[in-house]
Amino acid sequence: MRVSRISEKKVDVISEIPDLGLLDPLISKYKSRKGNMIPLLQGAQNIYGYIPKEAFEKLSEDTGLSLSEMYGVATFYAQFRMKPVGKHIIKVCHGTACHVQNANVITEAIQDALKVKDTETTEDGLFTLESVACLGCCSLAPVMMIGDNTFGKLTGKEAVKIIKEIRIKESQASEK
């Protein structure tokens, strides 16, 4: 049996260099503090919605923190993102209570409706789907959160309906 390689698709990505000046107040606040790495990474993510490569480099240059240590921390903790996310982050709980109540059906319905896999963002940049270990709403299982809104006792169909309603609101807002 001969194994053939699957050729990698090359995608032309045009990325904008973020305004790194936005990091200056954050760096000034934490530069000389002990244990500053996580607050700096959290602050950078709050500014950009994720932590761009250029932000890691600037933080390293301006604070003296090791680039590899920062990257190690950022990849260890699930709260940090290394790529842009959608305007609305859909978190589907897959903790024990939600799993038993068929959370997989919800995730699969959302994946089908949005044409994305877990951790991916829709082409229009509106939604990012994330499976999470627990949202702490076990009595509402199965549950999903979109932003600060929690939706419980869901079916796949109901989850997709909620997402469609958000998409409609977004398109109406952009028309104004």
Protein backbone atom coordinates (compact mmCIF):
# COMPACT_ATOMS: atom_id res chain seq x y z
CA MET A 1 0.00 0.00 0.00
CA ARG A 2 1.41 3.33 -1.00
CA VAL A 3 0.70 6.39 1.08
CA SER A 4 0.34 9.65 -0.74
CA ARG A 5 0.80 13.00 0.89
CA ILE A 6 -2.06 15.40 1.07
CA SER A 7 -0.84 18.69 -0.29
CA GLU A 8 -1.22 21.63 2.03
CA LYS A 9 -3.50 24.36 0.82
CA LYS A 10 -1.71 27.66 0.74
CA VAL A 11 -3.92 30.55 1.69
CA ASP A 12 -2.97 34.13 1.03
CA VAL A 13 -3.55 35.93 4.28
CA ILE A 14 -3.43 39.66 4.33
CA SER A 15 -2.97 40.67 7.91
CA GLU A 16 -2.90 44.14 9.25
CA ILE A 17 -0.22 45.06 11.73
CA PRO A 18 -2.05 46.05 14.92
CA ASP A 19 -1.56 49.49 16.46
CA LEU A 20 1.08 48.54 19.01
CA GLY A 21 0.90 51.97 20.62
CA LEU A 22 -2.27 50.78 22.32
CA LEU A 23 -0.06 48.59 24.51
CA ASP A 24 1.96 51.51 25.93
CA PRO A 25 -0.36 52.36 28.87
CA LEU A 26 -0.59 48.68 29.75
CA ILE A 27 3.19 48.28 29.65
CA SER A 28 3.67 51.42 31.76
CA LYS A 29 1.27 50.06 34.38
CA TYR A 30 2.82 46.57 34.69
CA LYS A 31 6.41 46.87 33.47
CA SER A 32 8.08 46.99 36.85
CA ARG A 33 5.62 44.80 38.74
CA LYS A 34 6.52 41.31 39.82
CA GLY A 35 4.26 38.63 38.31
CA ASN A 36 3.27 40.90 35.45
CA MET A 37 3.13 38.35 32.63
CA ILE A 38 -0.49 37.21 32.91
CA PRO A 39 -1.91 40.74 33.42
CA LEU A 40 0.08 41.92 30.38
CA LEU A 41 -1.20 39.04 28.24
CA GLN A 42 -4.77 39.56 29.47
CA GLY A 43 -4.51 43.28 28.75
CA ALA A 44 -3.17 42.69 25.24
CA GLN A 45 -6.00 40.28 24.55
CA ASN A 46 -8.55 42.79 25.86
CA ILE A 47 -7.17 45.38 23.45
CA TYR A 48 -7.06 43.24 20.29
CA GLY A 49 -9.49 40.41 21.05
CA TYR A 50 -6.56 37.98 20.77
CA ILE A 51 -2.78 38.28 21.19
CA PRO A 52 -1.11 39.08 17.88
CA LYS A 53 2.48 37.98 17.25
CA GLU A 54 3.56 41.63 17.11
CA ALA A 55 2.10 42.22 20.59
CA PHE A 56 4.16 39.34 22.01
CA GLU A 57 7.26 40.88 20.43
CA LYS A 58 6.55 44.38 21.77
CA LEU A 59 5.78 43.08 25.26
CA SER A 60 9.03 41.13 25.23
CA GLU A 61 11.10 44.08 23.98
CA ASP A 62 9.56 46.63 26.35
CA THR A 63 9.38 44.53 29.53
CA GLY A 64 12.27 42.09 29.16
CA LEU A 65 9.94 39.10 29.49
CA SER A 66 11.05 36.05 27.53
CA LEU A 67 9.13 35.58 24.31
CA SER A 68 9.17 31.79 24.74
CA GLU A 69 7.93 32.00 28.34
CA MET A 70 5.08 34.32 27.35
CA TYR A 71 4.11 32.02 24.52
CA GLY A 72 4.29 29.03 26.88
CA VAL A 73 1.93 30.71 29.33
CA ALA A 74 -0.43 31.88 26.58
CA THR A 75 -0.70 28.41 25.05
CA PHE A 76 -1.07 26.70 28.43
CA TYR A 77 -4.10 28.69 29.59
CA ALA A 78 -7.29 28.25 27.57
CA GLN A 79 -8.29 31.88 28.17
CA PHE A 80 -5.67 33.17 25.72
CA ARG A 81 -6.16 33.27 21.96
CA MET A 82 -3.48 33.52 19.29
CA LYS A 83 -5.80 34.23 16.39
CA PRO A 84 -8.71 36.60 15.85
CA VAL A 85 -12.11 35.51 17.05
CA GLY A 86 -15.61 36.38 15.95
CA LYS A 87 -17.67 39.22 17.33
CA HIS A 88 -19.78 36.65 19.18
CA ILE A 89 -18.10 33.72 20.91
CA ILE A 90 -20.39 30.72 21.26
CA LYS A 91 -19.33 28.52 24.18
CA VAL A 92 -21.00 25.13 24.34
CA CYS A 93 -20.60 23.35 27.66
CA HIS A 94 -19.39 19.76 27.51
CA GLY A 95 -19.12 19.18 31.27
CA THR A 96 -20.60 16.03 32.76
CA ALA A 97 -24.18 17.28 33.17
CA CYS A 98 -24.26 18.81 29.67
CA HIS A 99 -22.57 15.78 28.12
CA VAL A 100 -25.19 13.47 29.63
CA GLN A 101 -27.92 15.79 28.29
CA ASN A 102 -26.53 15.58 24.72
CA ALA A 103 -24.30 18.64 24.36
CA ASN A 104 -22.74 16.96 21.32
CA VAL A 105 -26.02 17.40 19.45
CA ILE A 106 -25.89 21.15 20.11
CA THR A 107 -22.28 21.46 18.96
CA GLU A 108 -22.97 19.42 15.82
CA ALA A 109 -26.06 21.50 14.95
CA ILE A 110 -24.09 24.72 15.33
CA GLN A 111 -21.19 23.35 13.29
CA ASP A 112 -23.57 22.39 10.50
CA ALA A 113 -25.40 25.73 10.58
CA LEU A 114 -22.28 27.89 10.67
CA LYS A 115 -20.02 25.63 8.55
CA VAL A 116 -17.23 25.74 11.15
CA LYS A 117 -15.46 23.29 13.41
CA ASP A 118 -14.67 23.74 17.09
CA THR A 119 -12.41 26.80 17.67
CA GLU A 120 -13.08 28.14 14.17
CA THR A 121 -14.59 31.47 13.17
CA THR A 122 -17.21 32.01 10.50
CA GLU A 123 -16.04 33.59 7.24
CA ASP A 124 -17.93 36.79 8.03
CA GLY A 125 -16.12 37.07 11.39
CA LEU A 126 -19.39 37.10 13.31
CA PHE A 127 -19.14 33.85 15.31
CA THR A 128 -16.45 31.68 16.88
CA LEU A 129 -17.44 28.27 18.25
CA GLU A 130 -15.75 26.89 21.36
CA SER A 131 -16.41 23.72 23.32
CA VAL A 132 -15.67 24.32 26.99
CA ALA A 133 -15.27 22.00 29.96
CA CYS A 134 -17.86 23.64 32.20
CA LEU A 135 -19.93 26.82 32.34
CA GLY A 136 -21.15 26.18 35.89
CA CYS A 137 -24.83 26.01 34.91
CA CYS A 138 -25.41 22.32 35.48
CA SER A 139 -29.09 22.71 36.36
CA LEU A 140 -29.65 24.24 32.88
CA ALA A 141 -27.91 21.43 30.98
CA PRO A 142 -27.28 21.36 28.11
CA VAL A 143 -26.13 24.95 28.00
CA MET A 144 -24.36 27.46 25.77
CA MET A 145 -23.20 31.02 26.29
CA ILE A 146 -22.95 33.72 23.68
CA GLY A 147 -21.14 36.69 25.15
CA ASP A 148 -22.65 37.22 28.61
CA ASN A 149 -25.95 35.53 27.75
CA THR A 150 -26.63 31.98 28.93
CA PHE A 151 -29.08 29.69 27.15
CA GLY A 152 -30.13 26.47 28.85
CA LYS A 153 -32.16 23.30 28.38
CA LEU A 154 -31.34 23.52 24.66
CA THR A 155 -31.87 21.34 21.67
CA GLY A 156 -29.73 21.64 18.56
CA LYS A 157 -32.60 23.31 16.73
CA GLU A 158 -33.09 25.90 19.51
CA ALA A 159 -29.37 26.71 19.58
CA VAL A 160 -29.32 27.32 15.83
CA LYS A 161 -32.45 29.50 16.10
CA ILE A 162 -30.74 31.71 18.71
CA ILE A 163 -27.71 32.12 16.46
CA LYS A 164 -29.91 32.98 13.45
CA GLU A 165 -31.68 35.64 15.54
CA ILE A 166 -28.32 37.20 16.45
CA ARG A 167 -27.29 37.17 12.78
CA ILE A 168 -30.55 38.93 11.82
CA LYS A 169 -30.02 41.60 14.51
CA GLU A 170 -26.45 42.13 13.30
CA SER A 171 -27.55 42.55 9.67
CA GLN A 172 -30.29 45.00 10.70
CA ALA A 173 -27.81 47.01 12.76
CA SER A 174 -25.35 47.20 9.87
CA GLU A 175 -28.09 48.48 7.53
CA LYS A 176 -28.75 51.49 9.77
